Protein backbone atom coordinates (compact mmCIF):
# COMPACT_ATOMS: atom_id res chain seq x y z
CA MET A 1 -71.58 14.52 -12.26
CA LYS A 2 -75.32 14.51 -11.55
CA GLU A 3 -77.38 11.74 -13.14
CA ILE A 4 -81.02 11.95 -14.22
CA VAL A 5 -83.33 8.93 -14.34
CA THR A 6 -86.20 9.13 -16.84
CA ILE A 7 -89.60 7.44 -16.51
CA GLN A 8 -91.76 7.22 -19.64
CA LEU A 9 -95.43 6.41 -19.08
CA GLY A 10 -98.12 5.38 -21.55
CA HIS A 11 -98.27 5.54 -25.32
CA CYS A 12 -97.87 9.34 -25.57
CA GLY A 13 -95.14 9.44 -22.92
CA ASN A 14 -93.14 6.75 -24.68
CA ALA A 15 -93.59 8.36 -28.10
CA LEU A 16 -92.42 11.75 -26.80
CA GLY A 17 -89.62 10.09 -24.82
CA SER A 18 -88.39 8.25 -27.92
CA GLN A 19 -88.21 11.56 -29.82
CA PHE A 20 -86.28 13.13 -26.92
CA TRP A 21 -83.75 10.26 -26.84
CA SER A 22 -83.41 10.37 -30.62
CA ASP A 23 -82.58 14.08 -30.49
CA ILE A 24 -80.02 13.93 -27.70
CA SER A 25 -78.44 10.73 -29.08
CA GLU A 26 -77.74 12.60 -32.30
CA GLU A 27 -76.21 15.48 -30.35
CA HIS A 28 -73.91 13.07 -28.50
CA GLY A 29 -72.89 11.26 -31.68
CA LEU A 30 -74.68 7.99 -30.93
CA LEU A 31 -76.03 5.56 -33.52
CA PRO A 32 -79.52 4.01 -33.03
CA ASN A 33 -77.91 1.06 -31.27
CA GLY A 34 -76.05 3.32 -28.81
CA GLN A 35 -72.61 3.00 -30.44
CA TYR A 36 -70.56 6.19 -30.37
CA CYS A 37 -69.62 7.58 -33.79
CA GLY A 38 -68.93 11.21 -32.87
CA GLU A 39 -65.81 13.25 -33.53
CA HIS A 40 -65.39 15.40 -30.41
CA GLU A 41 -64.44 14.42 -26.86
CA LEU A 42 -66.96 16.88 -25.38
CA GLN A 43 -69.77 14.70 -26.67
CA LEU A 44 -68.72 12.13 -24.08
CA SER A 45 -67.56 14.45 -21.28
CA LYS A 46 -70.95 14.64 -19.55
CA ILE A 47 -72.88 11.95 -21.42
CA CYS A 48 -73.32 9.86 -18.27
CA SER A 49 -75.79 12.39 -16.88
CA PHE A 50 -78.45 10.79 -19.08
CA PHE A 51 -76.74 7.65 -20.44
CA ALA A 52 -75.05 4.71 -18.73
CA ALA A 53 -72.07 2.96 -20.29
CA GLY A 54 -73.07 -0.40 -21.79
CA ALA A 55 -71.21 -3.70 -21.73
CA THR A 56 -69.46 -2.93 -25.03
CA THR A 57 -68.71 0.50 -26.48
CA ASN A 58 -72.37 1.50 -26.42
CA TYR A 59 -74.39 3.89 -24.24
CA VAL A 60 -77.80 3.09 -22.74
CA PRO A 61 -80.45 5.67 -21.73
CA ARG A 62 -81.18 5.87 -18.01
CA SER A 63 -84.84 5.31 -18.78
CA ILE A 64 -87.68 3.01 -17.73
CA LEU A 65 -90.55 2.58 -20.20
CA ILE A 66 -93.91 1.68 -18.63
CA ASP A 67 -97.28 1.04 -20.24
CA LEU A 68 -100.29 -1.06 -19.28
CA ASP A 69 -100.80 -1.79 -22.99
CA PRO A 70 -98.14 -4.29 -24.18
CA SER A 71 -98.72 -3.53 -27.88
CA SER A 72 -97.75 0.12 -27.33
CA LEU A 73 -94.36 -0.79 -25.88
CA GLU A 74 -93.82 -3.36 -28.60
CA SER A 75 -94.15 -0.61 -31.21
CA THR A 76 -91.56 1.44 -29.28
CA ARG A 77 -89.23 -1.57 -29.12
CA CYS A 78 -89.52 -1.97 -32.92
CA SER A 79 -88.97 1.75 -33.61
CA PRO A 80 -85.61 3.17 -34.84
CA THR A 81 -84.67 4.09 -31.25
CA GLY A 82 -85.89 0.81 -29.74
CA GLN A 83 -82.39 -0.73 -29.68
CA LEU A 84 -81.16 2.02 -27.38
CA PHE A 85 -83.11 0.88 -24.33
CA ARG A 86 -82.24 -1.90 -21.91
CA PRO A 87 -84.72 -4.77 -22.58
CA ASP A 88 -85.50 -5.36 -18.90
CA ASN A 89 -86.54 -1.70 -18.54
CA PHE A 90 -89.68 -2.35 -20.60
CA ILE A 91 -92.47 -2.82 -18.02
CA PHE A 92 -95.93 -3.60 -19.40
CA GLY A 93 -99.35 -4.84 -18.29
CA LYS A 94 -101.73 -7.24 -19.93
CA VAL A 95 -104.65 -5.38 -21.52
CA GLY A 96 -104.10 -1.62 -21.20
CA ALA A 97 -105.73 1.06 -19.03
CA GLY A 98 -108.65 1.68 -21.39
CA ASN A 99 -108.30 5.47 -21.00
CA ASN A 100 -109.42 5.08 -17.39
CA PHE A 101 -107.59 6.86 -14.55
CA ALA A 102 -108.95 4.40 -11.98
CA ARG A 103 -107.49 1.37 -13.77
CA GLY A 104 -104.05 2.96 -13.76
CA MET A 105 -104.35 4.10 -10.14
CA TYR A 106 -106.25 1.35 -8.33
CA THR A 107 -106.34 -1.91 -10.30
CA ASP A 108 -104.13 -2.72 -13.31
CA GLY A 109 -101.50 -0.14 -12.34
CA VAL A 110 -101.11 -1.74 -8.91
CA ASP A 111 -100.34 -5.09 -10.61
CA ILE A 112 -97.13 -3.74 -12.19
CA ARG A 113 -96.27 -1.16 -9.52
CA ASP A 114 -93.71 -3.35 -7.76
CA MET A 115 -92.02 -4.33 -11.05
CA SER A 116 -91.85 -0.68 -12.03
CA LEU A 117 -90.37 0.40 -8.69
CA GLU A 118 -87.81 -2.42 -8.82
CA ALA A 119 -86.69 -1.33 -12.32
CA ILE A 120 -86.42 2.27 -11.08
CA ARG A 121 -84.46 1.13 -8.01
CA LYS A 122 -81.97 -0.78 -10.14
CA GLU A 123 -81.47 2.24 -12.39
CA VAL A 124 -80.88 4.52 -9.39
CA GLU A 125 -78.34 2.07 -7.92
CA LEU A 126 -76.33 2.31 -11.15
CA CYS A 127 -75.94 6.06 -10.59
CA ASP A 128 -73.01 7.50 -8.65
CA HIS A 129 -74.83 10.76 -7.85
CA PRO A 130 -78.57 10.47 -8.65
CA SER A 131 -79.96 13.99 -8.87
CA ALA A 132 -83.52 13.89 -10.19
CA PHE A 133 -86.28 11.97 -11.89
CA GLN A 134 -87.93 13.27 -15.03
CA MET A 135 -91.32 11.74 -15.80
CA ILE A 136 -92.76 12.03 -19.30
CA HIS A 137 -96.50 11.35 -19.44
CA ALA A 138 -99.83 12.52 -20.84
CA LEU A 139 -102.84 13.17 -18.62
CA GLY A 140 -105.47 12.18 -21.17
CA GLY A 141 -104.82 8.42 -21.01
CA GLY A 142 -105.27 5.96 -18.17
CA THR A 143 -101.60 5.00 -17.76
CA GLY A 144 -100.14 8.52 -17.91
CA SER A 145 -102.74 9.92 -15.51
CA GLY A 146 -103.59 7.05 -13.15
CA MET A 147 -100.33 5.18 -12.95
CA GLY A 148 -98.46 8.48 -13.17
CA ALA A 149 -100.25 9.63 -10.00
CA LEU A 150 -99.53 6.28 -8.33
CA LEU A 151 -95.81 6.36 -9.17
CA LEU A 152 -95.44 9.98 -8.09
CA GLU A 153 -96.72 9.08 -4.64
CA MET A 154 -94.41 6.06 -4.42
CA LEU A 155 -91.35 7.98 -5.66
CA LYS A 156 -91.94 10.80 -3.18
CA GLU A 157 -92.05 8.23 -0.41
CA GLU A 158 -89.05 6.17 -1.61
CA TYR A 159 -86.80 9.05 -2.71
CA PRO A 160 -87.83 12.15 -0.71
CA LYS A 161 -84.55 13.96 -1.45
CA GLN A 162 -84.65 13.52 -5.24
CA LEU A 163 -86.29 16.22 -7.35
CA LEU A 164 -89.33 15.08 -9.37
CA LEU A 165 -89.71 16.94 -12.67
CA ASN A 166 -92.74 16.16 -14.85
CA TYR A 167 -93.16 16.80 -18.56
CA THR A 168 -96.93 16.65 -18.60
CA VAL A 169 -98.94 16.65 -21.83
CA PHE A 170 -102.40 18.21 -21.57
CA PRO A 171 -105.09 16.78 -23.88
CA SER A 172 -106.84 18.50 -26.77
CA SER A 173 -109.88 17.49 -28.82
CA LYS A 174 -107.89 18.49 -31.92
CA VAL A 175 -105.42 15.67 -31.25
CA SER A 176 -107.55 13.00 -29.56
CA GLU A 177 -111.27 12.17 -29.57
CA VAL A 178 -111.31 10.34 -26.21
CA VAL A 179 -114.28 11.91 -24.42
CA VAL A 180 -113.16 11.12 -20.84
CA GLU A 181 -109.80 12.92 -21.07
CA PRO A 182 -111.03 15.79 -18.80
CA TYR A 183 -111.85 13.24 -16.07
CA ASN A 184 -108.38 11.66 -16.27
CA THR A 185 -106.65 15.05 -16.27
CA ILE A 186 -108.49 16.49 -13.26
CA LEU A 187 -108.27 13.25 -11.26
CA SER A 188 -104.48 13.24 -11.65
CA ALA A 189 -104.18 16.87 -10.46
CA PRO A 190 -103.99 16.28 -6.66
CA SER A 191 -100.96 14.00 -7.00
CA LEU A 192 -99.22 16.42 -9.39
CA ILE A 193 -99.86 19.36 -7.08
CA LYS A 194 -98.71 17.51 -3.96
CA ASN A 195 -95.84 15.32 -5.19
CA SER A 196 -94.25 16.94 -8.25
CA ASP A 197 -91.52 19.53 -7.62
CA VAL A 198 -91.52 21.05 -11.12
CA THR A 199 -94.23 20.42 -13.72
CA VAL A 200 -93.69 21.58 -17.31
CA LEU A 201 -97.08 21.88 -19.03
CA LEU A 202 -97.08 20.77 -22.67
CA ASP A 203 -100.46 21.83 -24.04
CA ASN A 204 -101.52 19.88 -27.14
CA GLU A 205 -104.12 22.54 -28.00
CA CYS A 206 -101.46 25.24 -28.28
CA LEU A 207 -98.92 22.93 -29.93
CA TYR A 208 -101.41 22.11 -32.65
CA GLU A 209 -101.87 25.82 -33.43
CA ILE A 210 -98.10 26.46 -33.39
CA CYS A 211 -97.59 23.65 -35.91
CA GLN A 212 -100.33 25.10 -38.12
CA LYS A 213 -99.45 28.80 -37.95
CA THR A 214 -95.68 28.85 -37.39
CA LEU A 215 -94.55 25.58 -39.00
CA GLN A 216 -97.31 25.94 -41.64
CA LEU A 217 -98.46 22.31 -41.39
CA GLU A 218 -102.07 22.01 -42.51
CA SER A 219 -102.88 18.88 -40.48
CA PRO A 220 -100.15 18.33 -37.86
CA LEU A 221 -99.51 14.76 -36.76
CA LEU A 222 -98.55 13.55 -33.29
CA GLU A 223 -94.96 13.24 -34.55
CA ASP A 224 -94.92 16.96 -35.40
CA LEU A 225 -96.11 17.89 -31.91
CA ASN A 226 -93.53 15.58 -30.32
CA PHE A 227 -90.80 17.15 -32.48
CA VAL A 228 -91.46 20.62 -31.00
CA MET A 229 -91.84 19.36 -27.43
CA ALA A 230 -88.66 17.26 -27.60
CA LYS A 231 -86.66 20.30 -28.77
CA ALA A 232 -87.71 22.22 -25.65
CA MET A 233 -86.89 19.21 -23.45
CA SER A 234 -83.44 18.67 -24.92
CA GLY A 235 -82.68 22.37 -24.47
CA LEU A 236 -83.64 22.30 -20.78
CA SER A 237 -81.31 19.34 -20.25
CA SER A 238 -78.41 20.78 -22.28
CA THR A 239 -76.40 22.24 -19.39
CA TYR A 240 -76.46 18.83 -17.70
CA ARG A 241 -75.15 17.18 -20.89
CA PHE A 242 -72.55 19.68 -22.16
CA PRO A 243 -70.11 22.19 -20.63
CA SER A 244 -71.78 25.49 -19.84
CA ARG A 245 -71.02 28.91 -18.42
CA GLY A 246 -74.38 29.26 -16.69
CA HIS A 247 -75.69 25.89 -15.52
CA VAL A 248 -79.00 26.04 -13.65
CA ASP A 249 -79.58 22.89 -11.65
CA TRP A 250 -83.25 21.82 -11.60
CA ALA A 251 -83.25 21.66 -7.79
CA ALA A 252 -81.79 25.18 -7.62
CA MET A 253 -84.32 26.32 -10.22
CA ARG A 254 -87.16 25.04 -8.04
CA CYS A 255 -85.65 26.72 -4.98
CA VAL A 256 -85.51 30.11 -6.70
CA MET A 257 -88.48 30.05 -9.11
CA VAL A 258 -91.28 28.39 -7.13
CA PRO A 259 -92.81 30.84 -4.61
CA SER A 260 -95.08 28.25 -2.92
CA ARG A 261 -95.49 24.48 -2.83
CA LYS A 262 -98.44 24.52 -5.27
CA LEU A 263 -97.17 27.06 -7.80
CA HIS A 264 -94.74 24.85 -9.69
CA PHE A 265 -96.44 24.70 -13.10
CA PHE A 266 -94.28 26.13 -15.89
CA LEU A 267 -95.09 27.05 -19.47
CA PRO A 268 -92.24 26.17 -21.89
CA ALA A 269 -91.12 27.56 -25.25
CA PHE A 270 -88.39 26.83 -27.78
CA ALA A 271 -86.88 29.13 -30.39
CA PRO A 272 -86.19 29.52 -33.20
CA ILE A 273 -89.27 27.90 -34.72
CA ASN A 274 -90.07 28.45 -38.38
CA SER A 275 -91.29 26.44 -41.34
CA ARG A 276 -88.92 24.17 -43.26
CA GLY A 277 -89.35 26.30 -46.39
CA VAL A 278 -88.19 29.46 -44.62
CA GLN A 279 -85.37 27.88 -42.60
CA PRO A 280 -82.58 28.01 -45.25
CA TYR A 281 -83.21 31.73 -45.81
CA ARG A 282 -83.06 32.99 -42.22
CA THR A 283 -80.35 33.53 -39.66
CA PHE A 284 -81.19 34.30 -36.05
CA SER A 285 -79.52 36.66 -33.60
CA VAL A 286 -79.87 36.77 -29.81
CA GLN A 287 -82.52 39.50 -30.21
CA ASP A 288 -84.50 37.43 -32.75
CA VAL A 289 -84.58 34.38 -30.48
CA LEU A 290 -85.51 36.46 -27.43
CA HIS A 291 -88.30 38.20 -29.34
CA GLN A 292 -89.76 34.87 -30.40
CA ILE A 293 -89.83 33.38 -26.90
CA LEU A 294 -91.06 36.56 -25.18
CA ASN A 295 -93.92 37.49 -27.50
CA GLY A 296 -96.03 34.60 -26.18
CA LYS A 297 -96.97 33.18 -29.58
CA ILE A 298 -94.78 30.09 -29.29
CA LEU A 299 -95.23 29.59 -25.54
CA LEU A 300 -96.59 26.05 -25.21
CA GLY A 301 -99.64 27.38 -23.43
CA GLY A 302 -99.71 30.56 -25.46
CA LYS A 303 -103.31 30.21 -26.60
CA GLU A 304 -104.54 30.66 -23.04
CA PHE A 305 -101.65 33.05 -22.33
CA GLN A 306 -102.89 35.46 -25.02
CA LYS A 307 -106.65 35.01 -24.72
CA SER A 308 -107.04 35.27 -20.96
CA SER A 309 -108.88 38.41 -19.93
CA SER A 310 -105.97 39.83 -17.95
CA GLY A 311 -103.22 38.17 -19.95
CA GLY A 312 -101.73 36.88 -16.70
CA LYS A 313 -98.36 37.85 -15.25
CA TYR A 314 -94.87 36.42 -15.02
CA LEU A 315 -93.80 35.29 -11.58
CA THR A 316 -90.40 33.97 -12.69
CA ALA A 317 -88.85 32.69 -15.92
CA LEU A 318 -85.69 30.96 -17.10
CA ALA A 319 -84.03 31.23 -20.53
CA LEU A 320 -81.38 28.62 -21.41
CA PHE A 321 -79.41 29.63 -24.51
CA ARG A 322 -77.32 27.32 -26.66
CA GLY A 323 -74.58 28.54 -28.99
CA TYR A 324 -70.83 29.05 -29.19
CA CYS A 325 -69.46 32.15 -27.42
CA LEU A 326 -72.86 33.77 -26.90
CA PRO A 327 -72.72 37.32 -25.47
CA GLU A 328 -74.09 36.88 -21.94
CA LYS A 329 -74.18 40.61 -21.29
CA GLU A 330 -76.32 41.12 -24.39
CA ILE A 331 -78.74 38.41 -23.27
CA GLU A 332 -79.02 39.94 -19.80
CA MET A 333 -79.48 43.42 -21.24
CA ASN A 334 -82.30 42.29 -23.57
CA LEU A 335 -84.13 40.53 -20.75
CA THR A 336 -83.78 43.60 -18.54
CA ASN A 337 -85.04 45.89 -21.33
CA PHE A 338 -88.09 43.68 -21.90
CA GLU A 339 -88.92 43.81 -18.19
CA GLU A 340 -88.48 47.60 -18.00
CA LYS A 341 -90.63 48.25 -21.08
CA ASN A 342 -93.44 45.93 -19.96
CA PRO A 343 -93.83 46.29 -16.18
CA SER A 344 -97.50 45.27 -16.32
CA TYR A 345 -96.45 41.78 -17.51
CA PHE A 346 -94.79 41.00 -14.17
CA ALA A 347 -95.94 40.43 -10.60
CA GLU A 348 -94.84 43.52 -8.67
CA TRP A 349 -94.14 41.69 -5.40
CA MET A 350 -91.47 39.43 -6.93
CA PRO A 351 -88.03 41.14 -6.64
CA PHE A 352 -86.61 39.29 -9.67
CA HIS A 353 -88.19 37.73 -12.74
CA PHE A 354 -85.60 36.39 -15.19
CA LEU A 355 -82.80 33.88 -14.80
CA HIS A 356 -80.65 32.74 -17.69
CA GLY A 357 -77.99 30.17 -18.48
CA THR A 358 -75.82 29.37 -21.49
CA CYS A 359 -74.61 26.11 -23.00
CA ASP A 360 -71.72 26.46 -25.41
CA THR A 361 -72.85 23.58 -27.65
CA PRO A 362 -75.60 24.46 -30.15
CA PRO A 363 -78.18 21.85 -31.17
CA LYS A 364 -77.71 19.92 -34.40
CA GLY A 365 -78.31 22.10 -37.45
CA MET A 366 -78.52 25.44 -35.58
CA LYS A 367 -76.09 28.18 -34.58
CA ILE A 368 -78.23 29.46 -31.71
CA SER A 369 -81.34 28.34 -29.84
CA ALA A 370 -83.13 28.95 -26.56
CA SER A 371 -85.38 26.94 -24.29
CA PHE A 372 -87.61 28.99 -22.05
CA ILE A 373 -89.85 28.11 -19.10
CA ALA A 374 -92.09 30.61 -17.35
CA ASN A 375 -93.91 30.34 -14.05
CA HIS A 376 -96.77 32.40 -15.44
CA THR A 377 -100.21 32.87 -13.93
CA GLY A 378 -101.68 32.22 -17.39
CA SER A 379 -101.15 28.51 -16.72
CA ARG A 380 -104.33 28.62 -14.66
CA ASN A 381 -106.28 29.04 -17.88
CA ILE A 382 -105.07 25.67 -19.19
CA TRP A 383 -106.40 24.06 -16.02
CA GLY A 384 -109.56 26.14 -16.29
CA ARG A 385 -110.25 24.97 -19.84
CA VAL A 386 -110.05 21.31 -18.85
CA LEU A 387 -111.97 21.90 -15.60
CA SER A 388 -114.85 23.48 -17.54
CA LYS A 389 -115.20 20.35 -19.70
CA TYR A 390 -114.88 18.16 -16.61
CA GLN A 391 -117.70 19.99 -14.81
CA LYS A 392 -120.08 19.69 -17.76
CA MET A 393 -119.63 15.91 -17.83
CA PHE A 394 -119.61 15.43 -14.06
CA LYS A 395 -122.82 17.44 -13.71
CA ARG A 396 -124.56 14.88 -15.95
CA LYS A 397 -122.78 11.95 -14.20
CA ALA A 398 -121.58 10.86 -17.64
CA PHE A 399 -119.34 7.76 -17.81
CA LEU A 400 -118.81 7.68 -14.03
CA HIS A 401 -119.72 3.99 -13.81
CA TRP A 402 -116.46 3.14 -15.68
CA TYR A 403 -114.49 4.75 -12.85
CA TYR A 404 -116.61 3.53 -9.96
CA SER A 405 -116.28 -0.07 -11.15
CA GLU A 406 -112.45 0.22 -10.97
CA GLY A 407 -112.23 1.61 -7.45
CA SER A 408 -112.80 5.37 -7.74
CA GLY A 409 -115.49 7.03 -5.63
CA GLU A 410 -117.41 10.27 -5.82
CA ASP A 411 -115.13 11.75 -3.15
CA ASP A 412 -112.15 11.33 -5.50
CA PHE A 413 -113.88 13.46 -8.13
CA LYS A 414 -114.91 16.17 -5.67
CA HIS A 415 -111.46 16.31 -4.04
CA ALA A 416 -109.75 16.59 -7.44
CA GLU A 417 -112.10 19.39 -8.53
CA GLU A 418 -111.46 21.34 -5.32
CA SER A 419 -107.69 20.91 -5.67
CA VAL A 420 -107.74 22.39 -9.18
CA LYS A 421 -110.01 25.26 -8.11
CA GLU A 422 -107.61 26.10 -5.26
CA LEU A 423 -104.64 26.02 -7.64
CA ILE A 424 -106.40 28.34 -10.11
CA SER A 425 -107.39 30.68 -7.27
CA GLU A 426 -103.85 30.84 -5.86
CA TYR A 427 -102.38 31.64 -9.29
CA LYS A 428 -105.01 34.36 -9.74
CA GLN A 429 -104.23 35.90 -6.34
CA CYS A 430 -100.49 35.91 -7.10
CA GLU A 431 -101.02 38.50 -9.80
CA SER A 432 -101.48 41.12 -7.10
CA ARG A 433 -99.94 39.69 -3.90
CA PRO A 434 -97.52 36.97 -2.83
CA PRO A 435 -98.77 33.56 -1.67
CA PRO A 436 -99.19 33.02 2.10
CA GLY A 437 -95.91 32.35 3.89
CA TRP A 438 -93.68 33.64 1.08
CA THR A 439 -90.61 35.65 2.09
CA PRO A 440 -88.47 37.50 -0.48
CA PRO A 441 -84.89 36.28 -0.90
CA GLU A 442 -82.31 38.87 0.17
CA ASN A 443 -80.08 38.18 -2.81
CA THR A 444 -81.41 36.17 -5.73
CA GLN A 445 -78.09 35.49 -7.43
CA GLY A 446 -76.57 34.65 -4.07
CA LEU A 447 -79.41 32.21 -3.35
CA LEU A 448 -78.97 30.55 -6.75
CA LYS A 449 -75.20 30.33 -6.27
CA ARG A 450 -75.62 28.80 -2.83
CA CYS A 451 -78.09 26.21 -4.18
CA LEU A 452 -75.62 25.27 -6.92
CA GLU A 453 -72.70 25.03 -4.51
CA GLU A 454 -74.72 22.78 -2.20
CA ALA A 455 -75.51 20.61 -5.22
CA GLY A 456 -71.75 20.20 -5.78
CA TYR A 457 -71.14 22.32 -8.92
CA ASP A 458 -67.90 24.04 -9.84
CA LEU A 459 -68.89 27.66 -10.41
CA GLU A 460 -65.56 29.02 -11.67
CA GLU A 461 -66.09 30.76 -15.00
CA LYS A 462 -64.03 29.20 -17.77
CA ALA A 463 -63.48 29.96 -21.44
CA PRO A 464 -65.96 27.99 -23.55
CA PRO A 465 -64.43 25.04 -25.44
CA LYS A 466 -64.99 24.62 -29.12
CA PRO A 467 -68.42 22.98 -29.53
CA PRO A 468 -68.62 19.35 -30.70
CA ILE A 469 -71.63 19.92 -32.95
CA CYS A 470 -71.48 22.28 -35.88
CA PRO A 471 -74.50 23.37 -37.97
């Protein structure tokens, strides 16, 4: 069994992480203190991929919670899910990062770097087969951006064979009024581009509109945004946590879906999404769920996806379905039909575009759901939106003294800006031609199968067991 170690950074990262652990704890039949109260053995069959067995009959998340602001972690500790986490996995600073990338990267972040790495090392040593790290952080704050960049560099050096997957929250003025968020976001880009293997972009701007238009919430709160993001995250981890007929390992996913070292930024989606008032009156089929994730309106980057001048193009995409005895042939047929009817939506040079997997256990309260991630060139527009705000401030030299006084220099700003421009340019070029050095795989399914076999997975198809969670 492959184990995943989670790192939660900053206030937003810990809030989103707590929602994620709350969701999957409920799916595995765990109480807020980690005690098992479920009714089906399958809830425990693969639980150790994300949880470690505690000293009693409880289960503990394989997670390290880090924040330079001690009051933020104290609020997490006092939350309903606070009892889940191991107390010595709370790593905190003294005064907070002050929404300053440089403090997280060069000064205050360095003070707790060794403690953080030691906590991560202990968690990895408790794993029999450590497979990957997932980092949950927001780029608008100082801890999520600055210390996130610092830890990514250290993890890449310490654990070069482990996959690094980032759930990265992009800032929005609709959610936060911190004026220096574009600086923090762009300054963290070089480390993300260089050190992350898979980066899932969670755009607050788009999430806010989804909550307003689809969930019909007039003034969405941070909890509402985290609710949607956590659903997508739990879906992407479902085949690690429950028996499945189409598991896609994250390392194999990166091998097949990332055409070049830089182009690893994915736009996620989750379906079905509808308002609470409508929910009791609707049932969803495979076609309904596929339509919702493919129309772009609930893609967590969909605002840029729809408004970009060219619309962008799919390079690759993955749909992970959850539900009992789902018709895999119907799923594959619908994906193929969508591709054949909309050839202009896809990069012509890529010989394949869609992968899919199925988990036989539906999420709590649903009969069917799907998590979707797309390596789509429209992601460049999210970077472009933030870069535009960054350039307006940097041109006026606004607030730079806050960063210079903490160790950043002008070269850091120029290097970060150039890195983002190169990323945007490469995504733009990939709409018409492959990136330099790319060679097409001879057999996509064969490549995916080989990656899974090398990762140690049993690929024999078996009849799906009765799911432990019923709507």
